[in-house]
PDB file of N, CA and C in Angstrom:
ATOM      1  N   UNK A   1       0.844  -1.179   0.000  1.00  0.00           N
ATOM      2  CA  UNK A   1       0.000   0.000   0.000  1.00  0.00           C
ATOM      3  C   UNK A   1       0.887   1.239   0.000  1.00  0.00           C
ATOM      4  N   UNK A   2       0.448   2.278  -0.644  1.00  0.00           N
ATOM      5  CA  UNK A   2       1.209   3.516  -0.719  1.00  0.00           C
ATOM      6  C   UNK A   2       1.247   4.243   0.601  1.00  0.00           C
ATOM      7  N   UNK A   3       2.185   5.166   0.676  1.00  0.00           N
ATOM      8  CA  UNK A   3       2.316   5.959   1.895  1.00  0.00           C
ATOM      9  C   UNK A   3       1.757   7.355   1.639  1.00  0.00           C
ATOM     10  N   UNK A   4       0.942   7.850   2.540  1.00  0.00           N
ATOM     11  CA  UNK A   4       0.365   9.180   2.340  1.00  0.00           C
ATOM     12  C   UNK A   4       1.430  10.264   2.527  1.00  0.00           C
ATOM     13  N   UNK A   5       1.302  11.319   1.723  1.00  0.00           N
ATOM     14  CA  UNK A   5       2.214  12.455   1.825  1.00  0.00           C
ATOM     15  C   UNK A   5       1.419  13.693   2.208  1.00  0.00           C
ATOM     16  N   UNK A   6       2.039  14.543   2.977  1.00  0.00           N
ATOM     17  CA  UNK A   6       1.416  15.809   3.327  1.00  0.00           C
ATOM     18  C   UNK A   6       1.910  16.861   2.334  1.00  0.00           C
ATOM     19  N   UNK A   7       1.019  17.345   1.500  1.00  0.00           N
ATOM     20  CA  UNK A   7       1.362  18.327   0.477  1.00  0.00           C
ATOM     21  C   UNK A   7       0.879  19.701   0.953  1.00  0.00           C
ATOM     22  N   UNK A   8       1.771  20.669   0.872  1.00  0.00           N
ATOM     23  CA  UNK A   8       1.408  22.032   1.239  1.00  0.00           C
ATOM     24  C   UNK A   8       0.456  22.609   0.181  1.00  0.00           C
ATOM     25  N   UNK A   9      -0.307  23.620   0.562  1.00  0.00           N
ATOM     26  CA  UNK A   9      -1.266  24.222  -0.357  1.00  0.00           C
ATOM     27  C   UNK A   9      -0.597  24.781  -1.606  1.00  0.00           C
ATOM     28  N   UNK A  10       0.536  25.481  -1.429  1.00  0.00           N
ATOM     29  CA  UNK A  10       1.244  26.050  -2.582  1.00  0.00           C
ATOM     30  C   UNK A  10       1.714  24.947  -3.530  1.00  0.00           C
ATOM     31  N   UNK A  11       2.200  23.852  -2.960  1.00  0.00           N
ATOM     32  CA  UNK A  11       2.663  22.741  -3.777  1.00  0.00           C
ATOM     33  C   UNK A  11       1.502  22.105  -4.543  1.00  0.00           C
ATOM     34  N   UNK A  12       0.362  22.010  -3.895  1.00  0.00           N
ATOM     35  CA  UNK A  12      -0.813  21.424  -4.556  1.00  0.00           C
ATOM     36  C   UNK A  12      -1.251  22.297  -5.730  1.00  0.00           C
ATOM     37  N   UNK A  13      -1.153  23.605  -5.555  1.00  0.00           N
ATOM     38  CA  UNK A  13      -1.499  24.514  -6.649  1.00  0.00           C
ATOM     39  C   UNK A  13      -0.549  24.318  -7.826  1.00  0.00           C
ATOM     40  N   UNK A  14       0.740  24.183  -7.534  1.00  0.00           N
ATOM     41  CA  UNK A  14       1.729  23.955  -8.597  1.00  0.00           C
ATOM     42  C   UNK A  14       1.469  22.634  -9.305  1.00  0.00           C
ATOM     43  N   UNK A  15       1.156  21.610  -8.523  1.00  0.00           N
ATOM     44  CA  UNK A  15       0.874  20.296  -9.108  1.00  0.00           C
ATOM     45  C   UNK A  15      -0.348  20.375 -10.014  1.00  0.00           C
ATOM     46  N   UNK A  16      -1.384  21.062  -9.572  1.00  0.00           N
ATOM     47  CA  UNK A  16      -2.595  21.189 -10.387  1.00  0.00           C
ATOM     48  C   UNK A  16      -2.326  21.976 -11.670  1.00  0.00           C
ATOM     49  N   UNK A  17      -1.524  23.035 -11.586  1.00  0.00           N
ATOM     50  CA  UNK A  17      -1.174  23.811 -12.777  1.00  0.00           C
ATOM     51  C   UNK A  17      -0.398  22.946 -13.766  1.00  0.00           C
ATOM     52  N   UNK A  18       0.568  22.199 -13.245  1.00  0.00           N
ATOM     53  CA  UNK A  18       1.356  21.324 -14.113  1.00  0.00           C
ATOM     54  C   UNK A  18       0.507  20.198 -14.688  1.00  0.00           C
ATOM     55  N   UNK A  19      -0.437  19.732 -13.908  1.00  0.00           N
ATOM     56  CA  UNK A  19      -1.331  18.664 -14.364  1.00  0.00           C
ATOM     57  C   UNK A  19      -2.092  19.119 -15.607  1.00  0.00           C
ATOM     58  N   UNK A  20      -2.574  20.356 -15.580  1.00  0.00           N
ATOM     59  CA  UNK A  20      -3.297  20.892 -16.733  1.00  0.00           C
ATOM     60  C   UNK A  20      -2.357  21.095 -17.923  1.00  0.00           C
ATOM     61  N   UNK A  21      -1.180  21.662 -17.662  1.00  0.00           N
ATOM     62  CA  UNK A  21      -0.233  21.955 -18.744  1.00  0.00           C
ATOM     63  C   UNK A  21       0.315  20.685 -19.389  1.00  0.00           C
ATOM     64  N   UNK A  22       0.509  19.657 -18.579  1.00  0.00           N
ATOM     65  CA  UNK A  22       1.054  18.397 -19.086  1.00  0.00           C
ATOM     66  C   UNK A  22      -0.031  17.444 -19.583  1.00  0.00           C
ATOM     67  N   UNK A  23      -1.284  17.827 -19.398  1.00  0.00           N
ATOM     68  CA  UNK A  23      -2.430  16.978 -19.746  1.00  0.00           C
ATOM     69  C   UNK A  23      -2.336  15.624 -19.041  1.00  0.00           C
ATOM     70  N   UNK A  24      -1.892  15.677 -17.798  1.00  0.00           N
ATOM     71  CA  UNK A  24      -1.787  14.463 -16.991  1.00  0.00           C
ATOM     72  C   UNK A  24      -3.166  14.109 -16.437  1.00  0.00           C
ATOM     73  N   UNK A  25      -3.395  12.825 -16.288  1.00  0.00           N
ATOM     74  CA  UNK A  25      -4.688  12.377 -15.771  1.00  0.00           C
ATOM     75  C   UNK A  25      -4.772  12.528 -14.256  1.00  0.00           C
ATOM     76  N   UNK A  26      -3.637  12.314 -13.578  1.00  0.00           N
ATOM     77  CA  UNK A  26      -3.646  12.362 -12.119  1.00  0.00           C
ATOM     78  C   UNK A  26      -2.493  13.219 -11.605  1.00  0.00           C
ATOM     79  N   UNK A  27      -2.609  13.583 -10.345  1.00  0.00           N
ATOM     80  CA  UNK A  27      -1.546  14.354  -9.708  1.00  0.00           C
ATOM     81  C   UNK A  27      -0.273  13.528  -9.573  1.00  0.00           C
ATOM     82  N   UNK A  28      -0.439  12.241  -9.344  1.00  0.00           N
ATOM     83  CA  UNK A  28       0.737  11.388  -9.154  1.00  0.00           C
ATOM     84  C   UNK A  28       1.553  11.287 -10.442  1.00  0.00           C
ATOM     85  N   UNK A  29       0.917  11.424 -11.599  1.00  0.00           N
ATOM     86  CA  UNK A  29       1.662  11.447 -12.860  1.00  0.00           C
ATOM     87  C   UNK A  29       2.615  12.636 -12.890  1.00  0.00           C
ATOM     88  N   UNK A  30       2.143  13.767 -12.385  1.00  0.00           N
ATOM     89  CA  UNK A  30       2.978  14.969 -12.324  1.00  0.00           C
ATOM     90  C   UNK A  30       4.143  14.745 -11.371  1.00  0.00           C
ATOM     91  N   UNK A  31       3.863  14.182 -10.225  1.00  0.00           N
ATOM     92  CA  UNK A  31       4.907  13.928  -9.228  1.00  0.00           C
ATOM     93  C   UNK A  31       5.928  12.934  -9.784  1.00  0.00           C
ATOM     94  N   UNK A  32       5.462  11.887 -10.440  1.00  0.00           N
ATOM     95  CA  UNK A  32       6.378  10.899 -11.017  1.00  0.00           C
ATOM     96  C   UNK A  32       7.232  11.502 -12.114  1.00  0.00           C
ATOM     97  N   UNK A  33       6.647  12.384 -12.920  1.00  0.00           N
ATOM     98  CA  UNK A  33       7.420  13.057 -13.969  1.00  0.00           C
ATOM     99  C   UNK A  33       8.515  13.920 -13.340  1.00  0.00           C
ATOM    100  N   UNK A  34       8.187  14.604 -12.264  1.00  0.00           N
ATOM    101  CA  UNK A  34       9.175  15.409 -11.549  1.00  0.00           C
ATOM    102  C   UNK A  34      10.278  14.557 -10.954  1.00  0.00           C
ATOM    103  N   UNK A  35       9.911  13.426 -10.388  1.00  0.00           N
ATOM    104  CA  UNK A  35      10.907  12.512  -9.830  1.00  0.00           C
ATOM    105  C   UNK A  35      11.832  11.977 -10.914  1.00  0.00           C
ATOM    106  N   UNK A  36      11.282  11.688 -12.076  1.00  0.00           N
ATOM    107  CA  UNK A  36      12.090  11.199 -13.196  1.00  0.00           C
ATOM    108  C   UNK A  36      13.093  12.266 -13.640  1.00  0.00           C
ATOM    109  N   UNK A  37      12.639  13.513 -13.722  1.00  0.00           N
ATOM    110  CA  UNK A  37      13.540  14.608 -14.089  1.00  0.00           C
ATOM    111  C   UNK A  37      14.659  14.783 -13.066  1.00  0.00           C
ATOM    112  N   UNK A  38      14.315  14.706 -11.798  1.00  0.00           N
ATOM    113  CA  UNK A  38      15.322  14.816 -10.743  1.00  0.00           C
ATOM    114  C   UNK A  38      16.320  13.667 -10.812  1.00  0.00           C
ATOM    115  N   UNK A  39      15.810  12.476 -11.043  1.00  0.00           N
ATOM    116  CA  UNK A  39      16.679  11.311 -11.152  1.00  0.00           C
ATOM    117  C   UNK A  39      17.646  11.463 -12.321  1.00  0.00           C
ATOM    118  N   UNK A  40      17.146  11.940 -13.457  1.00  0.00           N
ATOM    119  CA  UNK A  40      18.011  12.159 -14.616  1.00  0.00           C
ATOM    120  C   UNK A  40      19.064  13.225 -14.345  1.00  0.00           C
ATOM    121  N   UNK A  41      18.679  14.285 -13.657  1.00  0.00           N
ATOM    122  CA  UNK A  41      19.629  15.351 -13.331  1.00  0.00           C
ATOM    123  C   UNK A  41      20.746  14.835 -12.426  1.00  0.00           C
ATOM    124  N   UNK A  42      20.379  14.018 -11.443  1.00  0.00           N
ATOM    125  CA  UNK A  42      21.376  13.439 -10.539  1.00  0.00           C
ATOM    126  C   UNK A  42      22.304  12.506 -11.309  1.00  0.00           C
ATOM    127  N   UNK A  43      21.742  11.718 -12.208  1.00  0.00           N
ATOM    128  CA  UNK A  43      22.565  10.802 -13.008  1.00  0.00           C
ATOM    129  C   UNK A  43      23.558  11.573 -13.869  1.00  0.00           C
ATOM    130  N   UNK A  44      23.110  12.662 -14.489  1.00  0.00           N
ATOM    131  CA  UNK A  44      24.014  13.482 -15.305  1.00  0.00           C
ATOM    132  C   UNK A  44      25.124  14.076 -14.456  1.00  0.00           C
ATOM    133  N   UNK A  45      24.774  14.540 -13.262  1.00  0.00           N
ATOM    134  CA  UNK A  45      25.771  15.128 -12.375  1.00  0.00           C
ATOM    135  C   UNK A  45      26.803  14.080 -11.953  1.00  0.00           C
ATOM    136  N   UNK A  46      26.330  12.899 -11.595  1.00  0.00           N
ATOM    137  CA  UNK A  46      27.250  11.831 -11.193  1.00  0.00           C
ATOM    138  C   UNK A  46      28.150  11.420 -12.349  1.00  0.00           C
ATOM    139  N   UNK A  47      27.590  11.352 -13.554  1.00  0.00           N
ATOM    140  CA  UNK A  47      28.372  10.983 -14.731  1.00  0.00           C
ATOM    141  C   UNK A  47      29.451  12.041 -14.997  1.00  0.00           C
ATOM    142  N   UNK A  48      29.093  13.316 -14.877  1.00  0.00           N
ATOM    143  CA  UNK A  48      30.059  14.388 -15.089  1.00  0.00           C
ATOM    144  C   UNK A  48      31.185  14.313 -14.058  1.00  0.00           C
ATOM    145  N   UNK A  49      30.838  13.991 -12.823  1.00  0.00           N
ATOM    146  CA  UNK A  49      31.861  13.851 -11.786  1.00  0.00           C
ATOM    147  C   UNK A  49      32.793  12.676 -12.079  1.00  0.00           C
ATOM    148  N   UNK A  50      32.244  11.561 -12.580  1.00  0.00           N
ATOM    149  CA  UNK A  50      33.084  10.413 -12.945  1.00  0.00           C
ATOM    150  C   UNK A  50      34.018  10.764 -14.099  1.00  0.00           C
ATOM    151  N   UNK A  51      33.492  11.473 -15.109  1.00  0.00           N
ATOM    152  CA  UNK A  51      34.330  11.879 -16.233  1.00  0.00           C
ATOM    153  C   UNK A  51      35.439  12.824 -15.776  1.00  0.00           C
ATOM    154  N   UNK A  52      35.109  13.742 -14.884  1.00  0.00           N
ATOM    155  CA  UNK A  52      36.106  14.686 -14.366  1.00  0.00           C
ATOM    156  C   UNK A  52      37.214  13.932 -13.633  1.00  0.00           C
ATOM    157  N   UNK A  53      36.830  12.963 -12.820  1.00  0.00           N
ATOM    158  CA  UNK A  53      37.807  12.169 -12.076  1.00  0.00           C
ATOM    159  C   UNK A  53      38.677  11.353 -13.039  1.00  0.00           C
ATOM    160  N   UNK A  54      38.051  10.743 -14.045  1.00  0.00           N
ATOM    161  CA  UNK A  54      38.797   9.954 -15.026  1.00  0.00           C
ATOM    162  C   UNK A  54      39.763  10.834 -15.814  1.00  0.00           C
ATOM    163  N   UNK A  55      39.325  12.019 -16.197  1.00  0.00           N
ATOM    164  CA  UNK A  55      40.187  12.938 -16.940  1.00  0.00           C
ATOM    165  C   UNK A  55      41.390  13.354 -16.101  1.00  0.00           C
ATOM    166  N   UNK A  56      41.178  13.574 -14.831  1.00  0.00           N
ATOM    167  CA  UNK A  56      42.280  13.956 -13.947  1.00  0.00           C
ATOM    168  C   UNK A  56      43.291  12.809 -13.808  1.00  0.00           C
ATOM    169  N   UNK A  57      42.791  11.567 -13.799  1.00  0.00           N
ATOM    170  CA  UNK A  57      43.679  10.419 -13.650  1.00  0.00           C
ATOM    171  C   UNK A  57      44.584  10.216 -14.865  1.00  0.00           C
ATOM    172  N   UNK A  58      44.097  10.530 -16.052  1.00  0.00           N
ATOM    173  CA  UNK A  58      44.876  10.287 -17.270  1.00  0.00           C
ATOM    174  C   UNK A  58      45.502  11.555 -17.845  1.00  0.00           C
ATOM    175  N   UNK A  59      45.378  12.670 -17.169  1.00  0.00           N
ATOM    176  CA  UNK A  59      45.852  13.944 -17.708  1.00  0.00           C
ATOM    177  C   UNK A  59      47.346  13.930 -18.007  1.00  0.00           C
ATOM    178  N   UNK A  60      48.159  13.405 -17.102  1.00  0.00           N
ATOM    179  CA  UNK A  60      49.612  13.423 -17.305  1.00  0.00           C
ATOM    180  C   UNK A  60      50.022  12.581 -18.508  1.00  0.00           C
ATOM    181  N   UNK A  61      49.526  11.356 -18.588  1.00  0.00           N
ATOM    182  CA  UNK A  61      49.915  10.503 -19.720  1.00  0.00           C
ATOM    183  C   UNK A  61      49.341  11.042 -21.024  1.00  0.00           C
ATOM    184  N   UNK A  62      48.161  11.624 -20.972  1.00  0.00           N
ATOM    185  CA  UNK A  62      47.563  12.204 -22.165  1.00  0.00           C
ATOM    186  C   UNK A  62      48.407  13.378 -22.665  1.00  0.00           C
ATOM    187  N   UNK A  63      48.918  14.158 -21.743  1.00  0.00           N
ATOM    188  CA  UNK A  63      49.765  15.297 -22.111  1.00  0.00           C
ATOM    189  C   UNK A  63      51.042  14.803 -22.801  1.00  0.00           C
ATOM    190  N   UNK A  64      51.631  13.747 -22.278  1.00  0.00           N
ATOM    191  CA  UNK A  64      52.842  13.180 -22.872  1.00  0.00           C
ATOM    192  C   UNK A  64      52.584  12.695 -24.299  1.00  0.00           C
ATOM    193  N   UNK A  65      51.480  11.990 -24.483  1.00  0.00           N
ATOM    194  CA  UNK A  65      51.146  11.466 -25.807  1.00  0.00           C
ATOM    195  C   UNK A  65      50.886  12.617 -26.775  1.00  0.00           C
ATOM    196  N   UNK A  66      50.171  13.626 -26.323  1.00  0.00           N
ATOM    197  CA  UNK A  66      49.907  14.774 -27.197  1.00  0.00           C
ATOM    198  C   UNK A  66      51.189  15.472 -27.610  1.00  0.00           C
ATOM    199  N   UNK A  67      52.147  15.568 -26.707  1.00  0.00           N
ATOM    200  CA  UNK A  67      53.423  16.185 -27.053  1.00  0.00           C
ATOM    201  C   UNK A  67      54.160  15.382 -28.114  1.00  0.00           C
ATOM    202  N   UNK A  68      54.059  14.061 -28.058  1.00  0.00           N
ATOM    203  CA  UNK A  68      54.708  13.205 -29.052  1.00  0.00           C
ATOM    204  C   UNK A  68      54.106  13.389 -30.439  1.00  0.00           C
ATOM    205  N   UNK A  69      52.838  13.722 -30.515  1.00  0.00           N
ATOM    206  CA  UNK A  69      52.165  13.830 -31.805  1.00  0.00           C
ATOM    207  C   UNK A  69      52.098  15.249 -32.351  1.00  0.00           C
ATOM    208  N   UNK A  70      52.727  16.206 -31.701  1.00  0.00           N
ATOM    209  CA  UNK A  70      52.707  17.564 -32.239  1.00  0.00           C
ATOM    210  C   UNK A  70      53.505  17.606 -33.536  1.00  0.00           C
ATOM    211  N   UNK A  71      52.939  18.208 -34.554  1.00  0.00           N
ATOM    212  CA  UNK A  71      53.553  18.172 -35.885  1.00  0.00           C
ATOM    213  C   UNK A  71      54.873  18.916 -35.942  1.00  0.00           C
ATOM    214  N   UNK A  72      55.017  20.018 -35.270  1.00  0.00           N
ATOM    215  CA  UNK A  72      56.260  20.773 -35.376  1.00  0.00           C
ATOM    216  C   UNK A  72      57.449  20.001 -34.801  1.00  0.00           C
ATOM    217  N   UNK A  73      57.216  19.153 -33.806  1.00  0.00           N
ATOM    218  CA  UNK A  73      58.318  18.384 -33.235  1.00  0.00           C
ATOM    219  C   UNK A  73      58.793  17.297 -34.215  1.00  0.00           C
ATOM    220  N   UNK A  74      57.884  16.766 -35.044  1.00  0.00           N
ATOM    221  CA  UNK A  74      58.287  15.757 -36.019  1.00  0.00           C
ATOM    222  C   UNK A  74      59.144  16.366 -37.122  1.00  0.00           C
ATOM    223  N   UNK A  75      58.837  17.585 -37.515  1.00  0.00           N
ATOM    224  CA  UNK A  75      59.629  18.230 -38.570  1.00  0.00           C
ATOM    225  C   UNK A  75      61.022  18.587 -38.091  1.00  0.00           C
ATOM    226  N   UNK A  76      61.151  18.896 -36.823  1.00  0.00           N
ATOM    227  CA  UNK A  76      62.464  19.227 -36.275  1.00  0.00           C
ATOM    228  C   UNK A  76      63.369  17.997 -36.261  1.00  0.00           C
ATOM    229  N   UNK A  77      62.778  16.812 -36.126  1.00  0.00           N
ATOM    230  CA  UNK A  77      63.570  15.595 -36.058  1.00  0.00           C
ATOM    231  C   UNK A  77      64.104  15.183 -37.425  1.00  0.00           C
ATOM    232  N   UNK A  78      63.536  15.694 -38.525  1.00  0.00           N
ATOM    233  CA  UNK A  78      63.972  15.322 -39.882  1.00  0.00           C
ATOM    234  C   UNK A  78      65.253  15.970 -40.168  1.00  0.00           C
TER     235      UNK A  78
END
């Protein structure tokens, strides 16, 4: 069985407005859509943090490889 939630009056007004704009049948559809958006935002944030951490881990070796492939350094060696 579901758990009852206490919704403030202002929040209920927002839910009803969104319900009309989204053509949702029920208030819970609006709440679920909001939860899905929040979940996606958190996932994007976590993914960005993982990419940032991964980039920091490989930055030094990536810099070395990029220096090896610079075109002007190859011409100097000829």
